[in-house]
């Protein structure tokens, strides 16, 4: 069961994660696209045509009003990725590229 927020298009799912209502997209995923690529709301809409501009602006508004909380989630995710990377052997391709000084 999703919990409504003060943002028209944002709900909190059972796991406590802010989501764009009626979709499977987490607010943090849209924020990461915005931050990583520097995409404007209009470009985010082109990249995610299933989202309305209202949903996008609402998600970005939620982010700006809850920036510390969302940034902590991003840091947690990066930490998880780094820990997972440590548990895998490097691929043979990566080793060859590294040996050639290409990475």
PDB file of N, CA and C in Angstrom:
ATOM      1  N   UNK A   1       0.837  -1.169   0.000  1.00  0.00           N
ATOM      2  CA  UNK A   1       0.000   0.000   0.000  1.00  0.00           C
ATOM      3  C   UNK A   1       0.888   1.241   0.000  1.00  0.00           C
ATOM      4  N   UNK A   2       0.657   2.141  -0.921  1.00  0.00           N
ATOM      5  CA  UNK A   2       1.437   3.369  -1.020  1.00  0.00           C
ATOM      6  C   UNK A   2       0.825   4.451  -0.143  1.00  0.00           C
ATOM      7  N   UNK A   3       1.694   5.270   0.412  1.00  0.00           N
ATOM      8  CA  UNK A   3       1.257   6.377   1.256  1.00  0.00           C
ATOM      9  C   UNK A   3       1.376   7.673   0.455  1.00  0.00           C
ATOM     10  N   UNK A   4       0.322   8.462   0.451  1.00  0.00           N
ATOM     11  CA  UNK A   4       0.343   9.736  -0.265  1.00  0.00           C
ATOM     12  C   UNK A   4       1.286  10.704   0.439  1.00  0.00           C
ATOM     13  N   UNK A   5       1.836  11.630  -0.345  1.00  0.00           N
ATOM     14  CA  UNK A   5       2.684  12.688   0.194  1.00  0.00           C
ATOM     15  C   UNK A   5       2.035  14.019  -0.152  1.00  0.00           C
ATOM     16  N   UNK A   6       2.671  15.101   0.206  1.00  0.00           N
ATOM     17  CA  UNK A   6       2.169  16.427  -0.150  1.00  0.00           C
ATOM     18  C   UNK A   6       2.477  16.781  -1.598  1.00  0.00           C
ATOM     19  N   UNK A   7       3.066  15.857  -2.333  1.00  0.00           N
ATOM     20  CA  UNK A   7       3.426  16.062  -3.737  1.00  0.00           C
ATOM     21  C   UNK A   7       2.439  15.272  -4.573  1.00  0.00           C
ATOM     22  N   UNK A   8       1.797  15.947  -5.494  1.00  0.00           N
ATOM     23  CA  UNK A   8       0.690  15.348  -6.243  1.00  0.00           C
ATOM     24  C   UNK A   8       1.041  13.997  -6.857  1.00  0.00           C
ATOM     25  N   UNK A   9       2.232  13.842  -7.374  1.00  0.00           N
ATOM     26  CA  UNK A   9       2.573  12.624  -8.115  1.00  0.00           C
ATOM     27  C   UNK A   9       3.530  11.698  -7.366  1.00  0.00           C
ATOM     28  N   UNK A  10       3.764  11.948  -6.095  1.00  0.00           N
ATOM     29  CA  UNK A  10       4.744  11.161  -5.347  1.00  0.00           C
ATOM     30  C   UNK A  10       4.057  10.406  -4.204  1.00  0.00           C
ATOM     31  N   UNK A  11       4.378   9.118  -4.112  1.00  0.00           N
ATOM     32  CA  UNK A  11       3.897   8.279  -3.023  1.00  0.00           C
ATOM     33  C   UNK A  11       5.097   7.593  -2.381  1.00  0.00           C
ATOM     34  N   UNK A  12       4.912   7.124  -1.167  1.00  0.00           N
ATOM     35  CA  UNK A  12       5.939   6.346  -0.479  1.00  0.00           C
ATOM     36  C   UNK A  12       5.481   4.893  -0.489  1.00  0.00           C
ATOM     37  N   UNK A  13       6.321   4.004  -1.039  1.00  0.00           N
ATOM     38  CA  UNK A  13       5.917   2.593  -1.117  1.00  0.00           C
ATOM     39  C   UNK A  13       6.102   1.898   0.228  1.00  0.00           C
ATOM     40  N   UNK A  14       5.781   0.618   0.270  1.00  0.00           N
ATOM     41  CA  UNK A  14       5.844  -0.151   1.515  1.00  0.00           C
ATOM     42  C   UNK A  14       7.254  -0.204   2.109  1.00  0.00           C
ATOM     43  N   UNK A  15       8.259  -0.070   1.259  1.00  0.00           N
ATOM     44  CA  UNK A  15       9.655  -0.100   1.720  1.00  0.00           C
ATOM     45  C   UNK A  15      10.136   1.276   2.166  1.00  0.00           C
ATOM     46  N   UNK A  16       9.235   2.283   2.106  1.00  0.00           N
ATOM     47  CA  UNK A  16       9.610   3.631   2.521  1.00  0.00           C
ATOM     48  C   UNK A  16      10.305   4.431   1.437  1.00  0.00           C
ATOM     49  N   UNK A  17      10.226   3.958   0.197  1.00  0.00           N
ATOM     50  CA  UNK A  17      10.903   4.587  -0.931  1.00  0.00           C
ATOM     51  C   UNK A  17       9.950   5.531  -1.669  1.00  0.00           C
ATOM     52  N   UNK A  18      10.350   6.794  -1.892  1.00  0.00           N
ATOM     53  CA  UNK A  18       9.499   7.689  -2.678  1.00  0.00           C
ATOM     54  C   UNK A  18       9.460   7.240  -4.142  1.00  0.00           C
ATOM     55  N   UNK A  19       8.249   7.115  -4.653  1.00  0.00           N
ATOM     56  CA  UNK A  19       8.014   6.627  -6.014  1.00  0.00           C
ATOM     57  C   UNK A  19       7.154   7.632  -6.770  1.00  0.00           C
ATOM     58  N   UNK A  20       7.247   7.579  -8.092  1.00  0.00           N
ATOM     59  CA  UNK A  20       6.335   8.364  -8.910  1.00  0.00           C
ATOM     60  C   UNK A  20       5.046   7.550  -9.013  1.00  0.00           C
ATOM     61  N   UNK A  21       3.953   8.132  -8.553  1.00  0.00           N
ATOM     62  CA  UNK A  21       2.669   7.430  -8.463  1.00  0.00           C
ATOM     63  C   UNK A  21       2.267   6.838  -9.813  1.00  0.00           C
ATOM     64  N   UNK A  22       1.772   5.614  -9.780  1.00  0.00           N
ATOM     65  CA  UNK A  22       1.288   4.944 -10.979  1.00  0.00           C
ATOM     66  C   UNK A  22       2.395   4.378 -11.850  1.00  0.00           C
ATOM     67  N   UNK A  23       3.639   4.420 -11.368  1.00  0.00           N
ATOM     68  CA  UNK A  23       4.776   3.884 -12.124  1.00  0.00           C
ATOM     69  C   UNK A  23       5.605   3.005 -11.206  1.00  0.00           C
ATOM     70  N   UNK A  24       6.635   2.423 -11.776  1.00  0.00           N
ATOM     71  CA  UNK A  24       7.607   1.675 -10.975  1.00  0.00           C
ATOM     72  C   UNK A  24       8.886   2.483 -10.773  1.00  0.00           C
ATOM     73  N   UNK A  25       8.873   3.751 -11.172  1.00  0.00           N
ATOM     74  CA  UNK A  25      10.076   4.576 -11.085  1.00  0.00           C
ATOM     75  C   UNK A  25      10.213   5.224  -9.724  1.00  0.00           C
ATOM     76  N   UNK A  26      11.396   5.028  -9.154  1.00  0.00           N
ATOM     77  CA  UNK A  26      11.727   5.664  -7.886  1.00  0.00           C
ATOM     78  C   UNK A  26      12.195   7.087  -8.157  1.00  0.00           C
ATOM     79  N   UNK A  27      11.897   7.983  -7.232  1.00  0.00           N
ATOM     80  CA  UNK A  27      12.342   9.373  -7.358  1.00  0.00           C
ATOM     81  C   UNK A  27      13.855   9.416  -7.520  1.00  0.00           C
ATOM     82  N   UNK A  28      14.570   8.610  -6.757  1.00  0.00           N
ATOM     83  CA  UNK A  28      16.032   8.620  -6.805  1.00  0.00           C
ATOM     84  C   UNK A  28      16.556   8.265  -8.205  1.00  0.00           C
ATOM     85  N   UNK A  29      15.863   7.411  -8.934  1.00  0.00           N
ATOM     86  CA  UNK A  29      16.299   7.040 -10.281  1.00  0.00           C
ATOM     87  C   UNK A  29      16.221   8.234 -11.226  1.00  0.00           C
ATOM     88  N   UNK A  30      15.153   8.996 -11.127  1.00  0.00           N
ATOM     89  CA  UNK A  30      15.007  10.187 -11.961  1.00  0.00           C
ATOM     90  C   UNK A  30      16.046  11.234 -11.569  1.00  0.00           C
ATOM     91  N   UNK A  31      16.265  11.385 -10.273  1.00  0.00           N
ATOM     92  CA  UNK A  31      17.262  12.340  -9.782  1.00  0.00           C
ATOM     93  C   UNK A  31      18.649  11.955 -10.281  1.00  0.00           C
ATOM     94  N   UNK A  32      18.969  10.673 -10.278  1.00  0.00           N
ATOM     95  CA  UNK A  32      20.271  10.236 -10.773  1.00  0.00           C
ATOM     96  C   UNK A  32      20.444  10.579 -12.248  1.00  0.00           C
ATOM     97  N   UNK A  33      19.412  10.409 -13.048  1.00  0.00           N
ATOM     98  CA  UNK A  33      19.491  10.812 -14.462  1.00  0.00           C
ATOM     99  C   UNK A  33      19.705  12.313 -14.574  1.00  0.00           C
ATOM    100  N   UNK A  34      18.997  13.064 -13.774  1.00  0.00           N
ATOM    101  CA  UNK A  34      19.118  14.523 -13.776  1.00  0.00           C
ATOM    102  C   UNK A  34      20.545  14.949 -13.415  1.00  0.00           C
ATOM    103  N   UNK A  35      21.108  14.336 -12.378  1.00  0.00           N
ATOM    104  CA  UNK A  35      22.435  14.700 -11.901  1.00  0.00           C
ATOM    105  C   UNK A  35      23.541  14.174 -12.829  1.00  0.00           C
ATOM    106  N   UNK A  36      23.417  12.937 -13.266  1.00  0.00           N
ATOM    107  CA  UNK A  36      24.472  12.312 -14.066  1.00  0.00           C
ATOM    108  C   UNK A  36      24.606  12.933 -15.447  1.00  0.00           C
ATOM    109  N   UNK A  37      23.488  13.246 -16.061  1.00  0.00           N
ATOM    110  CA  UNK A  37      23.514  13.732 -17.441  1.00  0.00           C
ATOM    111  C   UNK A  37      23.215  15.216 -17.560  1.00  0.00           C
ATOM    112  N   UNK A  38      22.824  15.842 -16.458  1.00  0.00           N
ATOM    113  CA  UNK A  38      22.481  17.262 -16.504  1.00  0.00           C
ATOM    114  C   UNK A  38      21.207  17.533 -17.282  1.00  0.00           C
ATOM    115  N   UNK A  39      20.332  16.533 -17.351  1.00  0.00           N
ATOM    116  CA  UNK A  39      19.112  16.671 -18.131  1.00  0.00           C
ATOM    117  C   UNK A  39      18.127  17.610 -17.444  1.00  0.00           C
ATOM    118  N   UNK A  40      17.555  18.479 -18.244  1.00  0.00           N
ATOM    119  CA  UNK A  40      16.476  19.359 -17.789  1.00  0.00           C
ATOM    120  C   UNK A  40      15.205  18.519 -17.640  1.00  0.00           C
ATOM    121  N   UNK A  41      14.176  19.064 -16.997  1.00  0.00           N
ATOM    122  CA  UNK A  41      12.909  18.325 -16.925  1.00  0.00           C
ATOM    123  C   UNK A  41      12.376  17.947 -18.312  1.00  0.00           C
ATOM    124  N   UNK A  42      12.555  18.834 -19.276  1.00  0.00           N
ATOM    125  CA  UNK A  42      12.070  18.539 -20.630  1.00  0.00           C
ATOM    126  C   UNK A  42      12.858  17.388 -21.253  1.00  0.00           C
ATOM    127  N   UNK A  43      14.174  17.362 -21.024  1.00  0.00           N
ATOM    128  CA  UNK A  43      14.981  16.253 -21.542  1.00  0.00           C
ATOM    129  C   UNK A  43      14.651  14.959 -20.803  1.00  0.00           C
ATOM    130  N   UNK A  44      14.428  15.047 -19.509  1.00  0.00           N
ATOM    131  CA  UNK A  44      13.998  13.858 -18.763  1.00  0.00           C
ATOM    132  C   UNK A  44      12.705  13.305 -19.352  1.00  0.00           C
ATOM    133  N   UNK A  45      11.816  14.205 -19.754  1.00  0.00           N
ATOM    134  CA  UNK A  45      10.552  13.779 -20.366  1.00  0.00           C
ATOM    135  C   UNK A  45      10.805  13.078 -21.702  1.00  0.00           C
ATOM    136  N   UNK A  46      11.757  13.590 -22.480  1.00  0.00           N
ATOM    137  CA  UNK A  46      12.091  12.926 -23.759  1.00  0.00           C
ATOM    138  C   UNK A  46      12.685  11.539 -23.510  1.00  0.00           C
ATOM    139  N   UNK A  47      13.481  11.421 -22.464  1.00  0.00           N
ATOM    140  CA  UNK A  47      14.119  10.146 -22.156  1.00  0.00           C
ATOM    141  C   UNK A  47      13.173   9.162 -21.463  1.00  0.00           C
ATOM    142  N   UNK A  48      12.173   9.695 -20.798  1.00  0.00           N
ATOM    143  CA  UNK A  48      11.187   8.875 -20.084  1.00  0.00           C
ATOM    144  C   UNK A  48       9.784   9.316 -20.521  1.00  0.00           C
ATOM    145  N   UNK A  49       9.407   9.031 -21.763  1.00  0.00           N
ATOM    146  CA  UNK A  49       8.125   9.534 -22.284  1.00  0.00           C
ATOM    147  C   UNK A  49       6.897   9.001 -21.554  1.00  0.00           C
ATOM    148  N   UNK A  50       7.071   7.959 -20.764  1.00  0.00           N
ATOM    149  CA  UNK A  50       5.936   7.432 -19.989  1.00  0.00           C
ATOM    150  C   UNK A  50       5.614   8.320 -18.785  1.00  0.00           C
ATOM    151  N   UNK A  51       6.503   9.278 -18.479  1.00  0.00           N
ATOM    152  CA  UNK A  51       6.272  10.213 -17.382  1.00  0.00           C
ATOM    153  C   UNK A  51       5.787  11.545 -17.923  1.00  0.00           C
ATOM    154  N   UNK A  52       4.856  12.153 -17.237  1.00  0.00           N
ATOM    155  CA  UNK A  52       4.402  13.491 -17.629  1.00  0.00           C
ATOM    156  C   UNK A  52       5.360  14.522 -17.049  1.00  0.00           C
ATOM    157  N   UNK A  53       5.336  15.712 -17.600  1.00  0.00           N
ATOM    158  CA  UNK A  53       6.158  16.783 -17.039  1.00  0.00           C
ATOM    159  C   UNK A  53       5.745  17.071 -15.601  1.00  0.00           C
ATOM    160  N   UNK A  54       4.461  16.958 -15.294  1.00  0.00           N
ATOM    161  CA  UNK A  54       3.995  17.144 -13.930  1.00  0.00           C
ATOM    162  C   UNK A  54       4.628  16.142 -12.977  1.00  0.00           C
ATOM    163  N   UNK A  55       4.717  14.885 -13.395  1.00  0.00           N
ATOM    164  CA  UNK A  55       5.348  13.859 -12.565  1.00  0.00           C
ATOM    165  C   UNK A  55       6.833  14.168 -12.356  1.00  0.00           C
ATOM    166  N   UNK A  56       7.480  14.600 -13.423  1.00  0.00           N
ATOM    167  CA  UNK A  56       8.912  14.900 -13.354  1.00  0.00           C
ATOM    168  C   UNK A  56       9.168  16.091 -12.430  1.00  0.00           C
ATOM    169  N   UNK A  57       8.430  17.166 -12.622  1.00  0.00           N
ATOM    170  CA  UNK A  57       8.606  18.343 -11.762  1.00  0.00           C
ATOM    171  C   UNK A  57       8.278  18.010 -10.308  1.00  0.00           C
ATOM    172  N   UNK A  58       7.288  17.189 -10.085  1.00  0.00           N
ATOM    173  CA  UNK A  58       6.924  16.797  -8.733  1.00  0.00           C
ATOM    174  C   UNK A  58       8.056  15.997  -8.099  1.00  0.00           C
ATOM    175  N   UNK A  59       8.654  15.072  -8.856  1.00  0.00           N
ATOM    176  CA  UNK A  59       9.771  14.267  -8.350  1.00  0.00           C
ATOM    177  C   UNK A  59      10.976  15.149  -8.034  1.00  0.00           C
ATOM    178  N   UNK A  60      11.268  16.103  -8.914  1.00  0.00           N
ATOM    179  CA  UNK A  60      12.395  17.009  -8.666  1.00  0.00           C
ATOM    180  C   UNK A  60      12.102  17.918  -7.476  1.00  0.00           C
ATOM    181  N   UNK A  61      10.864  18.359  -7.343  1.00  0.00           N
ATOM    182  CA  UNK A  61      10.478  19.158  -6.186  1.00  0.00           C
ATOM    183  C   UNK A  61      10.643  18.369  -4.902  1.00  0.00           C
ATOM    184  N   UNK A  62      10.234  17.101  -4.924  1.00  0.00           N
ATOM    185  CA  UNK A  62      10.410  16.241  -3.758  1.00  0.00           C
ATOM    186  C   UNK A  62      11.890  16.151  -3.419  1.00  0.00           C
ATOM    187  N   UNK A  63      12.720  15.955  -4.450  1.00  0.00           N
ATOM    188  CA  UNK A  63      14.166  15.868  -4.221  1.00  0.00           C
ATOM    189  C   UNK A  63      14.700  17.130  -3.555  1.00  0.00           C
ATOM    190  N   UNK A  64      14.366  18.290  -4.076  1.00  0.00           N
ATOM    191  CA  UNK A  64      14.900  19.532  -3.515  1.00  0.00           C
ATOM    192  C   UNK A  64      14.416  19.761  -2.088  1.00  0.00           C
ATOM    193  N   UNK A  65      13.221  19.313  -1.762  1.00  0.00           N
ATOM    194  CA  UNK A  65      12.710  19.469  -0.406  1.00  0.00           C
ATOM    195  C   UNK A  65      13.227  18.392   0.551  1.00  0.00           C
ATOM    196  N   UNK A  66      13.749  17.295   0.012  1.00  0.00           N
ATOM    197  CA  UNK A  66      14.255  16.177   0.814  1.00  0.00           C
ATOM    198  C   UNK A  66      15.662  15.797   0.338  1.00  0.00           C
ATOM    199  N   UNK A  67      16.437  16.797  -0.036  1.00  0.00           N
ATOM    200  CA  UNK A  67      17.736  16.563  -0.667  1.00  0.00           C
ATOM    201  C   UNK A  67      18.670  15.705   0.193  1.00  0.00           C
ATOM    202  N   UNK A  68      18.767  15.995   1.466  1.00  0.00           N
ATOM    203  CA  UNK A  68      19.681  15.242   2.325  1.00  0.00           C
ATOM    204  C   UNK A  68      19.316  13.761   2.355  1.00  0.00           C
ATOM    205  N   UNK A  69      18.035  13.477   2.493  1.00  0.00           N
ATOM    206  CA  UNK A  69      17.553  12.090   2.538  1.00  0.00           C
ATOM    207  C   UNK A  69      17.840  11.362   1.222  1.00  0.00           C
ATOM    208  N   UNK A  70      17.574  12.015   0.089  1.00  0.00           N
ATOM    209  CA  UNK A  70      17.799  11.386  -1.217  1.00  0.00           C
ATOM    210  C   UNK A  70      19.297  11.215  -1.469  1.00  0.00           C
ATOM    211  N   UNK A  71      20.100  12.207  -1.094  1.00  0.00           N
ATOM    212  CA  UNK A  71      21.551  12.104  -1.265  1.00  0.00           C
ATOM    213  C   UNK A  71      22.113  10.955  -0.430  1.00  0.00           C
ATOM    214  N   UNK A  72      21.573  10.734   0.768  1.00  0.00           N
ATOM    215  CA  UNK A  72      22.008   9.604   1.594  1.00  0.00           C
ATOM    216  C   UNK A  72      21.665   8.285   0.908  1.00  0.00           C
ATOM    217  N   UNK A  73      20.513   8.225   0.251  1.00  0.00           N
ATOM    218  CA  UNK A  73      20.133   7.025  -0.493  1.00  0.00           C
ATOM    219  C   UNK A  73      21.098   6.797  -1.653  1.00  0.00           C
ATOM    220  N   UNK A  74      21.476   7.865  -2.347  1.00  0.00           N
ATOM    221  CA  UNK A  74      22.428   7.746  -3.453  1.00  0.00           C
ATOM    222  C   UNK A  74      23.766   7.230  -2.931  1.00  0.00           C
ATOM    223  N   UNK A  75      24.250   7.778  -1.828  1.00  0.00           N
ATOM    224  CA  UNK A  75      25.512   7.330  -1.233  1.00  0.00           C
ATOM    225  C   UNK A  75      25.426   5.862  -0.831  1.00  0.00           C
ATOM    226  N   UNK A  76      24.303   5.463  -0.249  1.00  0.00           N
ATOM    227  CA  UNK A  76      24.109   4.062   0.146  1.00  0.00           C
ATOM    228  C   UNK A  76      24.173   3.149  -1.071  1.00  0.00           C
ATOM    229  N   UNK A  77      23.538   3.573  -2.158  1.00  0.00           N
ATOM    230  CA  UNK A  77      23.550   2.783  -3.389  1.00  0.00           C
ATOM    231  C   UNK A  77      24.956   2.667  -3.965  1.00  0.00           C
ATOM    232  N   UNK A  78      25.697   3.779  -3.970  1.00  0.00           N
ATOM    233  CA  UNK A  78      27.078   3.749  -4.474  1.00  0.00           C
ATOM    234  C   UNK A  78      27.946   2.821  -3.634  1.00  0.00           C
ATOM    235  N   UNK A  79      27.745   2.857  -2.333  1.00  0.00           N
ATOM    236  CA  UNK A  79      28.495   1.968  -1.443  1.00  0.00           C
ATOM    237  C   UNK A  79      28.186   0.509  -1.766  1.00  0.00           C
ATOM    238  N   UNK A  80      26.914   0.191  -1.990  1.00  0.00           N
ATOM    239  CA  UNK A  80      26.528  -1.181  -2.326  1.00  0.00           C
ATOM    240  C   UNK A  80      27.173  -1.623  -3.636  1.00  0.00           C
ATOM    241  N   UNK A  81      27.191  -0.742  -4.621  1.00  0.00           N
ATOM    242  CA  UNK A  81      27.813  -1.073  -5.910  1.00  0.00           C
ATOM    243  C   UNK A  81      29.300  -1.331  -5.728  1.00  0.00           C
ATOM    244  N   UNK A  82      29.966  -0.470  -4.963  1.00  0.00           N
ATOM    245  CA  UNK A  82      31.401  -0.644  -4.720  1.00  0.00           C
ATOM    246  C   UNK A  82      31.687  -1.956  -4.005  1.00  0.00           C
ATOM    247  N   UNK A  83      30.862  -2.306  -3.045  1.00  0.00           N
ATOM    248  CA  UNK A  83      31.049  -3.573  -2.332  1.00  0.00           C
ATOM    249  C   UNK A  83      30.823  -4.765  -3.264  1.00  0.00           C
ATOM    250  N   UNK A  84      29.827  -4.678  -4.120  1.00  0.00           N
ATOM    251  CA  UNK A  84      29.580  -5.760  -5.083  1.00  0.00           C
ATOM    252  C   UNK A  84      30.743  -5.905  -6.054  1.00  0.00           C
ATOM    253  N   UNK A  85      31.275  -4.782  -6.518  1.00  0.00           N
ATOM    254  CA  UNK A  85      32.402  -4.830  -7.452  1.00  0.00           C
ATOM    255  C   UNK A  85      33.602  -5.539  -6.837  1.00  0.00           C
ATOM    256  N   UNK A  86      33.821  -5.351  -5.559  1.00  0.00           N
ATOM    257  CA  UNK A  86      34.944  -5.994  -4.875  1.00  0.00           C
ATOM    258  C   UNK A  86      34.788  -7.509  -4.838  1.00  0.00           C
ATOM    259  N   UNK A  87      33.559  -7.993  -4.868  1.00  0.00           N
ATOM    260  CA  UNK A  87      33.326  -9.426  -4.746  1.00  0.00           C
ATOM    261  C   UNK A  87      33.449 -10.178  -6.076  1.00  0.00           C
ATOM    262  N   UNK A  88      33.595  -9.465  -7.187  1.00  0.00           N
ATOM    263  CA  UNK A  88      33.720 -10.100  -8.494  1.00  0.00           C
ATOM    264  C   UNK A  88      35.150 -10.041  -8.997  1.00  0.00           C
ATOM    265  N   UNK A  89      35.553 -11.092  -9.693  1.00  0.00           N
ATOM    266  CA  UNK A  89      36.862 -11.081 -10.341  1.00  0.00           C
ATOM    267  C   UNK A  89      36.805 -10.121 -11.526  1.00  0.00           C
ATOM    268  N   UNK A  90      37.907  -9.424 -11.799  1.00  0.00           N
ATOM    269  CA  UNK A  90      37.922  -8.574 -12.992  1.00  0.00           C
ATOM    270  C   UNK A  90      37.759  -9.424 -14.249  1.00  0.00           C
ATOM    271  N   UNK A  91      37.081  -8.886 -15.236  1.00  0.00           N
ATOM    272  CA  UNK A  91      36.883  -9.632 -16.470  1.00  0.00           C
ATOM    273  C   UNK A  91      38.200  -9.706 -17.244  1.00  0.00           C
ATOM    274  N   UNK A  92      38.363 -10.724 -18.072  1.00  0.00           N
ATOM    275  CA  UNK A  92      39.578 -10.808 -18.889  1.00  0.00           C
ATOM    276  C   UNK A  92      39.767  -9.569 -19.775  1.00  0.00           C
ATOM    277  N   UNK A  93      38.688  -9.034 -20.301  1.00  0.00           N
ATOM    278  CA  UNK A  93      38.791  -7.832 -21.136  1.00  0.00           C
ATOM    279  C   UNK A  93      39.331  -6.672 -20.320  1.00  0.00           C
ATOM    280  N   UNK A  94      38.811  -6.496 -19.121  1.00  0.00           N
ATOM    281  CA  UNK A  94      39.287  -5.405 -18.251  1.00  0.00           C
ATOM    282  C   UNK A  94      40.778  -5.567 -17.950  1.00  0.00           C
ATOM    283  N   UNK A  95      41.196  -6.784 -17.701  1.00  0.00           N
ATOM    284  CA  UNK A  95      42.608  -7.043 -17.422  1.00  0.00           C
ATOM    285  C   UNK A  95      43.478  -6.702 -18.637  1.00  0.00           C
ATOM    286  N   UNK A  96      43.034  -7.071 -19.833  1.00  0.00           N
ATOM    287  CA  UNK A  96      43.801  -6.737 -21.056  1.00  0.00           C
ATOM    288  C   UNK A  96      43.874  -5.234 -21.259  1.00  0.00           C
ATOM    289  N   UNK A  97      42.749  -4.542 -21.078  1.00  0.00           N
ATOM    290  CA  UNK A  97      42.745  -3.086 -21.238  1.00  0.00           C
ATOM    291  C   UNK A  97      43.644  -2.418 -20.200  1.00  0.00           C
ATOM    292  N   UNK A  98      43.613  -2.934 -18.977  1.00  0.00           N
ATOM    293  CA  UNK A  98      44.443  -2.382 -17.911  1.00  0.00           C
ATOM    294  C   UNK A  98      45.926  -2.603 -18.221  1.00  0.00           C
ATOM    295  N   UNK A  99      46.264  -3.791 -18.737  1.00  0.00           N
ATOM    296  CA  UNK A  99      47.654  -4.103 -19.089  1.00  0.00           C
ATOM    297  C   UNK A  99      48.173  -3.180 -20.184  1.00  0.00           C
ATOM    298  N   UNK A 100      47.281  -2.744 -21.070  1.00  0.00           N
ATOM    299  CA  UNK A 100      47.670  -1.831 -22.160  1.00  0.00           C
ATOM    300  C   UNK A 100      47.614  -0.370 -21.742  1.00  0.00           C
ATOM    301  N   UNK A 101      47.223  -0.130 -20.488  1.00  0.00           N
ATOM    302  CA  UNK A 101      47.144   1.222 -19.993  1.00  0.00           C
ATOM    303  C   UNK A 101      45.955   2.011 -20.529  1.00  0.00           C
ATOM    304  N   UNK A 102      44.938   1.302 -20.991  1.00  0.00           N
ATOM    305  CA  UNK A 102      43.773   1.961 -21.570  1.00  0.00           C
ATOM    306  C   UNK A 102      42.714   2.306 -20.518  1.00  0.00           C
ATOM    307  N   UNK A 103      42.834   1.719 -19.352  1.00  0.00           N
ATOM    308  CA  UNK A 103      41.940   2.089 -18.241  1.00  0.00           C
ATOM    309  C   UNK A 103      42.710   2.176 -16.951  1.00  0.00           C
TER     310      UNK A 103
END
